[in-house]
């Protein structure tokens, strides 16, 4: 027997500007994850901290339910 995972298409796409609790960002990549879509988000950079940034500290992995479109996005209107 083979099981087929039937996922709908992702709600968001690569390069799309999004909002989540904690800030704003851009979708870098997405993939199915246990029946849901997961998204790798690059957070918007704020002003440079006193200590230099290191590596991927600006990337975060979120589920589709944790993401919304920004208020000023024409697709959200």
PDB file of N, CA and C in Angstrom:
ATOM      1  N   UNK A   1       0.840  -1.186   0.000  1.00  0.00           N
ATOM      2  CA  UNK A   1       0.000   0.000   0.000  1.00  0.00           C
ATOM      3  C   UNK A   1       0.879   1.241   0.000  1.00  0.00           C
ATOM      4  N   UNK A   2       0.459   2.226  -0.706  1.00  0.00           N
ATOM      5  CA  UNK A   2       1.178   3.497  -0.684  1.00  0.00           C
ATOM      6  C   UNK A   2       0.227   4.601  -0.256  1.00  0.00           C
ATOM      7  N   UNK A   3       0.704   5.434   0.607  1.00  0.00           N
ATOM      8  CA  UNK A   3      -0.100   6.553   1.091  1.00  0.00           C
ATOM      9  C   UNK A   3       0.258   7.792   0.288  1.00  0.00           C
ATOM     10  N   UNK A   4      -0.752   8.544  -0.066  1.00  0.00           N
ATOM     11  CA  UNK A   4      -0.549   9.784  -0.804  1.00  0.00           C
ATOM     12  C   UNK A   4      -0.954  10.936   0.098  1.00  0.00           C
ATOM     13  N   UNK A   5      -0.046  11.851   0.282  1.00  0.00           N
ATOM     14  CA  UNK A   5      -0.318  13.029   1.089  1.00  0.00           C
ATOM     15  C   UNK A   5      -0.904  14.104   0.186  1.00  0.00           C
ATOM     16  N   UNK A   6      -2.141  14.455   0.442  1.00  0.00           N
ATOM     17  CA  UNK A   6      -2.822  15.435  -0.398  1.00  0.00           C
ATOM     18  C   UNK A   6      -2.768  16.804   0.276  1.00  0.00           C
ATOM     19  N   UNK A   7      -1.865  17.646  -0.176  1.00  0.00           N
ATOM     20  CA  UNK A   7      -1.743  18.999   0.352  1.00  0.00           C
ATOM     21  C   UNK A   7      -2.292  19.992  -0.653  1.00  0.00           C
ATOM     22  N   UNK A   8      -2.960  20.986  -0.163  1.00  0.00           N
ATOM     23  CA  UNK A   8      -3.350  22.070  -1.041  1.00  0.00           C
ATOM     24  C   UNK A   8      -2.108  22.855  -1.409  1.00  0.00           C
ATOM     25  N   UNK A   9      -2.237  23.716  -2.368  1.00  0.00           N
ATOM     26  CA  UNK A   9      -1.088  24.547  -2.741  1.00  0.00           C
ATOM     27  C   UNK A   9      -0.758  25.499  -1.598  1.00  0.00           C
ATOM     28  N   UNK A  10       0.508  25.887  -1.498  1.00  0.00           N
ATOM     29  CA  UNK A  10       0.879  26.804  -0.408  1.00  0.00           C
ATOM     30  C   UNK A  10       0.174  28.149  -0.567  1.00  0.00           C
ATOM     31  N   UNK A  11      -0.129  28.762   0.555  1.00  0.00           N
ATOM     32  CA  UNK A  11      -0.818  30.054   0.562  1.00  0.00           C
ATOM     33  C   UNK A  11       0.124  31.197   0.190  1.00  0.00           C
ATOM     34  N   UNK A  12       1.413  31.047   0.499  1.00  0.00           N
ATOM     35  CA  UNK A  12       2.409  32.086   0.258  1.00  0.00           C
ATOM     36  C   UNK A  12       3.468  31.565  -0.706  1.00  0.00           C
ATOM     37  N   UNK A  13       4.267  32.445  -1.284  1.00  0.00           N
ATOM     38  CA  UNK A  13       5.240  32.049  -2.303  1.00  0.00           C
ATOM     39  C   UNK A  13       6.602  32.693  -2.043  1.00  0.00           C
ATOM     40  N   UNK A  14       7.634  32.144  -2.693  1.00  0.00           N
ATOM     41  CA  UNK A  14       8.999  32.664  -2.551  1.00  0.00           C
ATOM     42  C   UNK A  14       9.060  34.137  -2.919  1.00  0.00           C
ATOM     43  N   UNK A  15       9.781  34.884  -2.121  1.00  0.00           N
ATOM     44  CA  UNK A  15       9.959  36.304  -2.388  1.00  0.00           C
ATOM     45  C   UNK A  15       8.844  37.189  -1.864  1.00  0.00           C
ATOM     46  N   UNK A  16       7.767  36.597  -1.362  1.00  0.00           N
ATOM     47  CA  UNK A  16       6.638  37.379  -0.877  1.00  0.00           C
ATOM     48  C   UNK A  16       6.957  38.007   0.477  1.00  0.00           C
ATOM     49  N   UNK A  17       6.589  39.275   0.636  1.00  0.00           N
ATOM     50  CA  UNK A  17       6.753  39.990   1.902  1.00  0.00           C
ATOM     51  C   UNK A  17       5.601  39.588   2.811  1.00  0.00           C
ATOM     52  N   UNK A  18       5.924  39.211   4.045  1.00  0.00           N
ATOM     53  CA  UNK A  18       4.897  38.755   4.973  1.00  0.00           C
ATOM     54  C   UNK A  18       5.105  39.389   6.345  1.00  0.00           C
ATOM     55  N   UNK A  19       4.121  39.139   7.221  1.00  0.00           N
ATOM     56  CA  UNK A  19       4.170  39.633   8.601  1.00  0.00           C
ATOM     57  C   UNK A  19       3.902  38.454   9.520  1.00  0.00           C
ATOM     58  N   UNK A  20       4.493  38.472  10.694  1.00  0.00           N
ATOM     59  CA  UNK A  20       4.268  37.441  11.702  1.00  0.00           C
ATOM     60  C   UNK A  20       4.447  38.083  13.062  1.00  0.00           C
ATOM     61  N   UNK A  21       4.028  37.386  14.107  1.00  0.00           N
ATOM     62  CA  UNK A  21       4.225  37.934  15.452  1.00  0.00           C
ATOM     63  C   UNK A  21       5.721  38.077  15.663  1.00  0.00           C
ATOM     64  N   UNK A  22       6.169  39.271  15.861  1.00  0.00           N
ATOM     65  CA  UNK A  22       7.588  39.511  16.064  1.00  0.00           C
ATOM     66  C   UNK A  22       8.240  40.277  14.927  1.00  0.00           C
ATOM     67  N   UNK A  23       7.511  40.500  13.821  1.00  0.00           N
ATOM     68  CA  UNK A  23       8.123  41.300  12.775  1.00  0.00           C
ATOM     69  C   UNK A  23       7.643  41.040  11.368  1.00  0.00           C
ATOM     70  N   UNK A  24       8.473  41.445  10.438  1.00  0.00           N
ATOM     71  CA  UNK A  24       8.199  41.318   9.015  1.00  0.00           C
ATOM     72  C   UNK A  24       9.327  40.526   8.374  1.00  0.00           C
ATOM     73  N   UNK A  25       9.074  39.984   7.192  1.00  0.00           N
ATOM     74  CA  UNK A  25      10.117  39.240   6.515  1.00  0.00           C
ATOM     75  C   UNK A  25       9.745  38.885   5.091  1.00  0.00           C
ATOM     76  N   UNK A  26      10.601  38.082   4.478  1.00  0.00           N
ATOM     77  CA  UNK A  26      10.427  37.630   3.105  1.00  0.00           C
ATOM     78  C   UNK A  26      10.557  36.111   3.084  1.00  0.00           C
ATOM     79  N   UNK A  27       9.680  35.444   2.364  1.00  0.00           N
ATOM     80  CA  UNK A  27       9.740  33.989   2.269  1.00  0.00           C
ATOM     81  C   UNK A  27      10.906  33.588   1.380  1.00  0.00           C
ATOM     82  N   UNK A  28      11.781  32.760   1.919  1.00  0.00           N
ATOM     83  CA  UNK A  28      12.945  32.273   1.180  1.00  0.00           C
ATOM     84  C   UNK A  28      12.629  30.936   0.525  1.00  0.00           C
ATOM     85  N   UNK A  29      11.928  30.065   1.267  1.00  0.00           N
ATOM     86  CA  UNK A  29      11.656  28.713   0.799  1.00  0.00           C
ATOM     87  C   UNK A  29      10.452  28.170   1.556  1.00  0.00           C
ATOM     88  N   UNK A  30       9.763  27.179   0.976  1.00  0.00           N
ATOM     89  CA  UNK A  30       8.674  26.517   1.687  1.00  0.00           C
ATOM     90  C   UNK A  30       8.657  25.041   1.322  1.00  0.00           C
ATOM     91  N   UNK A  31       8.087  24.215   2.213  1.00  0.00           N
ATOM     92  CA  UNK A  31       8.000  22.781   1.953  1.00  0.00           C
ATOM     93  C   UNK A  31       6.888  22.172   2.809  1.00  0.00           C
ATOM     94  N   UNK A  32       6.323  21.039   2.350  1.00  0.00           N
ATOM     95  CA  UNK A  32       5.308  20.357   3.158  1.00  0.00           C
ATOM     96  C   UNK A  32       5.957  19.768   4.410  1.00  0.00           C
ATOM     97  N   UNK A  33       5.222  19.797   5.514  1.00  0.00           N
ATOM     98  CA  UNK A  33       5.761  19.315   6.779  1.00  0.00           C
ATOM     99  C   UNK A  33       4.606  18.750   7.609  1.00  0.00           C
ATOM    100  N   UNK A  34       4.464  17.441   7.646  1.00  0.00           N
ATOM    101  CA  UNK A  34       3.424  16.759   8.442  1.00  0.00           C
ATOM    102  C   UNK A  34       2.023  17.275   8.136  1.00  0.00           C
ATOM    103  N   UNK A  35       1.702  17.415   6.870  1.00  0.00           N
ATOM    104  CA  UNK A  35       0.368  17.849   6.470  1.00  0.00           C
ATOM    105  C   UNK A  35       0.163  19.348   6.439  1.00  0.00           C
ATOM    106  N   UNK A  36       1.184  20.103   6.746  1.00  0.00           N
ATOM    107  CA  UNK A  36       1.112  21.567   6.733  1.00  0.00           C
ATOM    108  C   UNK A  36       2.276  22.102   5.919  1.00  0.00           C
ATOM    109  N   UNK A  37       2.205  23.372   5.556  1.00  0.00           N
ATOM    110  CA  UNK A  37       3.322  24.021   4.864  1.00  0.00           C
ATOM    111  C   UNK A  37       4.187  24.727   5.890  1.00  0.00           C
ATOM    112  N   UNK A  38       5.497  24.553   5.791  1.00  0.00           N
ATOM    113  CA  UNK A  38       6.456  25.298   6.604  1.00  0.00           C
ATOM    114  C   UNK A  38       7.182  26.269   5.695  1.00  0.00           C
ATOM    115  N   UNK A  39       7.530  27.407   6.241  1.00  0.00           N
ATOM    116  CA  UNK A  39       8.171  28.467   5.474  1.00  0.00           C
ATOM    117  C   UNK A  39       9.440  28.931   6.171  1.00  0.00           C
ATOM    118  N   UNK A  40      10.510  29.058   5.405  1.00  0.00           N
ATOM    119  CA  UNK A  40      11.737  29.652   5.917  1.00  0.00           C
ATOM    120  C   UNK A  40      11.652  31.136   5.600  1.00  0.00           C
ATOM    121  N   UNK A  41      11.688  31.947   6.622  1.00  0.00           N
ATOM    122  CA  UNK A  41      11.496  33.391   6.494  1.00  0.00           C
ATOM    123  C   UNK A  41      12.797  34.102   6.833  1.00  0.00           C
ATOM    124  N   UNK A  42      13.171  35.066   5.992  1.00  0.00           N
ATOM    125  CA  UNK A  42      14.289  35.947   6.321  1.00  0.00           C
ATOM    126  C   UNK A  42      13.693  37.202   6.927  1.00  0.00           C
ATOM    127  N   UNK A  43      13.999  37.437   8.186  1.00  0.00           N
ATOM    128  CA  UNK A  43      13.452  38.599   8.879  1.00  0.00           C
ATOM    129  C   UNK A  43      14.070  39.873   8.336  1.00  0.00           C
ATOM    130  N   UNK A  44      13.280  40.949   8.367  1.00  0.00           N
ATOM    131  CA  UNK A  44      13.817  42.250   7.975  1.00  0.00           C
ATOM    132  C   UNK A  44      14.865  42.665   8.981  1.00  0.00           C
ATOM    133  N   UNK A  45      15.933  43.231   8.475  1.00  0.00           N
ATOM    134  CA  UNK A  45      17.020  43.679   9.342  1.00  0.00           C
ATOM    135  C   UNK A  45      16.669  45.047   9.909  1.00  0.00           C
ATOM    136  N   UNK A  46      16.823  45.178  11.203  1.00  0.00           N
ATOM    137  CA  UNK A  46      16.657  46.474  11.836  1.00  0.00           C
ATOM    138  C   UNK A  46      17.972  47.221  11.762  1.00  0.00           C
ATOM    139  N   UNK A  47      18.122  48.202  12.606  1.00  0.00           N
ATOM    140  CA  UNK A  47      19.393  48.917  12.635  1.00  0.00           C
ATOM    141  C   UNK A  47      20.489  47.983  13.159  1.00  0.00           C
ATOM    142  N   UNK A  48      21.704  48.245  12.770  1.00  0.00           N
ATOM    143  CA  UNK A  48      22.855  47.409  13.151  1.00  0.00           C
ATOM    144  C   UNK A  48      23.041  47.447  14.668  1.00  0.00           C
ATOM    145  N   UNK A  49      23.077  46.258  15.327  1.00  0.00           N
ATOM    146  CA  UNK A  49      23.291  46.247  16.775  1.00  0.00           C
ATOM    147  C   UNK A  49      24.741  46.601  17.117  1.00  0.00           C
ATOM    148  N   UNK A  50      24.988  46.876  18.388  1.00  0.00           N
ATOM    149  CA  UNK A  50      26.344  47.204  18.815  1.00  0.00           C
ATOM    150  C   UNK A  50      27.295  46.042  18.553  1.00  0.00           C
ATOM    151  N   UNK A  51      26.791  44.822  18.709  1.00  0.00           N
ATOM    152  CA  UNK A  51      27.582  43.625  18.421  1.00  0.00           C
ATOM    153  C   UNK A  51      27.208  43.180  17.010  1.00  0.00           C
ATOM    154  N   UNK A  52      28.178  42.828  16.201  1.00  0.00           N
ATOM    155  CA  UNK A  52      27.915  42.451  14.799  1.00  0.00           C
ATOM    156  C   UNK A  52      26.987  41.245  14.713  1.00  0.00           C
ATOM    157  N   UNK A  53      26.235  41.176  13.616  1.00  0.00           N
ATOM    158  CA  UNK A  53      25.361  40.031  13.361  1.00  0.00           C
ATOM    159  C   UNK A  53      26.196  38.842  12.925  1.00  0.00           C
ATOM    160  N   UNK A  54      25.666  37.641  13.226  1.00  0.00           N
ATOM    161  CA  UNK A  54      26.376  36.418  12.865  1.00  0.00           C
ATOM    162  C   UNK A  54      25.431  35.492  12.111  1.00  0.00           C
ATOM    163  N   UNK A  55      25.786  35.090  10.911  1.00  0.00           N
ATOM    164  CA  UNK A  55      25.098  34.037  10.163  1.00  0.00           C
ATOM    165  C   UNK A  55      23.601  34.186  10.005  1.00  0.00           C
ATOM    166  N   UNK A  56      22.887  33.096  10.324  1.00  0.00           N
ATOM    167  CA  UNK A  56      21.452  32.999  10.050  1.00  0.00           C
ATOM    168  C   UNK A  56      20.571  33.493  11.181  1.00  0.00           C
ATOM    169  N   UNK A  57      21.036  34.390  11.983  1.00  0.00           N
ATOM    170  CA  UNK A  57      20.222  34.862  13.093  1.00  0.00           C
ATOM    171  C   UNK A  57      18.987  35.619  12.625  1.00  0.00           C
ATOM    172  N   UNK A  58      18.911  35.915  11.340  1.00  0.00           N
ATOM    173  CA  UNK A  58      17.753  36.637  10.825  1.00  0.00           C
ATOM    174  C   UNK A  58      16.779  35.713  10.106  1.00  0.00           C
ATOM    175  N   UNK A  59      16.976  34.399  10.167  1.00  0.00           N
ATOM    176  CA  UNK A  59      16.074  33.443   9.525  1.00  0.00           C
ATOM    177  C   UNK A  59      15.237  32.737  10.586  1.00  0.00           C
ATOM    178  N   UNK A  60      13.985  32.428  10.229  1.00  0.00           N
ATOM    179  CA  UNK A  60      13.076  31.772  11.161  1.00  0.00           C
ATOM    180  C   UNK A  60      12.205  30.802  10.370  1.00  0.00           C
ATOM    181  N   UNK A  61      11.835  29.682  10.964  1.00  0.00           N
ATOM    182  CA  UNK A  61      10.975  28.692  10.338  1.00  0.00           C
ATOM    183  C   UNK A  61       9.593  28.799  10.961  1.00  0.00           C
ATOM    184  N   UNK A  62       8.580  29.021  10.125  1.00  0.00           N
ATOM    185  CA  UNK A  62       7.212  29.200  10.613  1.00  0.00           C
ATOM    186  C   UNK A  62       6.245  28.323   9.836  1.00  0.00           C
ATOM    187  N   UNK A  63       5.114  27.984  10.467  1.00  0.00           N
ATOM    188  CA  UNK A  63       4.025  27.307   9.774  1.00  0.00           C
ATOM    189  C   UNK A  63       3.128  28.355   9.120  1.00  0.00           C
ATOM    190  N   UNK A  64       2.357  27.930   8.132  1.00  0.00           N
ATOM    191  CA  UNK A  64       1.474  28.828   7.392  1.00  0.00           C
ATOM    192  C   UNK A  64       0.514  29.571   8.322  1.00  0.00           C
ATOM    193  N   UNK A  65       0.069  28.928   9.381  1.00  0.00           N
ATOM    194  CA  UNK A  65      -0.876  29.555  10.314  1.00  0.00           C
ATOM    195  C   UNK A  65      -0.257  30.702  11.118  1.00  0.00           C
ATOM    196  N   UNK A  66       1.065  30.804  11.113  1.00  0.00           N
ATOM    197  CA  UNK A  66       1.756  31.860  11.859  1.00  0.00           C
ATOM    198  C   UNK A  66       2.039  33.095  11.013  1.00  0.00           C
ATOM    199  N   UNK A  67       1.630  33.068   9.738  1.00  0.00           N
ATOM    200  CA  UNK A  67       1.990  34.121   8.792  1.00  0.00           C
ATOM    201  C   UNK A  67       0.743  34.850   8.304  1.00  0.00           C
ATOM    202  N   UNK A  68       0.858  36.166   8.156  1.00  0.00           N
ATOM    203  CA  UNK A  68      -0.212  36.964   7.542  1.00  0.00           C
ATOM    204  C   UNK A  68       0.404  37.898   6.509  1.00  0.00           C
ATOM    205  N   UNK A  69      -0.436  38.432   5.645  1.00  0.00           N
ATOM    206  CA  UNK A  69       0.028  39.427   4.686  1.00  0.00           C
ATOM    207  C   UNK A  69       0.029  40.788   5.355  1.00  0.00           C
ATOM    208  N   UNK A  70       1.025  41.624   5.099  1.00  0.00           N
ATOM    209  CA  UNK A  70       1.037  42.972   5.674  1.00  0.00           C
ATOM    210  C   UNK A  70      -0.186  43.758   5.253  1.00  0.00           C
ATOM    211  N   UNK A  71      -0.615  44.689   6.086  1.00  0.00           N
ATOM    212  CA  UNK A  71      -1.804  45.510   5.821  1.00  0.00           C
ATOM    213  C   UNK A  71      -1.729  46.263   4.503  1.00  0.00           C
ATOM    214  N   UNK A  72      -0.517  46.695   4.105  1.00  0.00           N
ATOM    215  CA  UNK A  72      -0.380  47.504   2.894  1.00  0.00           C
ATOM    216  C   UNK A  72      -0.150  46.655   1.638  1.00  0.00           C
ATOM    217  N   UNK A  73      -0.267  45.325   1.741  1.00  0.00           N
ATOM    218  CA  UNK A  73      -0.066  44.441   0.591  1.00  0.00           C
ATOM    219  C   UNK A  73      -1.324  44.471  -0.278  1.00  0.00           C
ATOM    220  N   UNK A  74      -1.196  44.786  -1.588  1.00  0.00           N
ATOM    221  CA  UNK A  74      -2.373  44.863  -2.455  1.00  0.00           C
ATOM    222  C   UNK A  74      -3.078  43.515  -2.611  1.00  0.00           C
ATOM    223  N   UNK A  75      -2.371  42.388  -2.428  1.00  0.00           N
ATOM    224  CA  UNK A  75      -3.005  41.079  -2.526  1.00  0.00           C
ATOM    225  C   UNK A  75      -3.926  40.848  -1.342  1.00  0.00           C
ATOM    226  N   UNK A  76      -3.606  41.438  -0.178  1.00  0.00           N
ATOM    227  CA  UNK A  76      -4.411  41.251   1.019  1.00  0.00           C
ATOM    228  C   UNK A  76      -5.706  42.044   0.958  1.00  0.00           C
ATOM    229  N   UNK A  77      -5.756  43.064   0.128  1.00  0.00           N
ATOM    230  CA  UNK A  77      -6.936  43.927   0.076  1.00  0.00           C
ATOM    231  C   UNK A  77      -8.090  43.274  -0.656  1.00  0.00           C
TER     232      UNK A  77
END
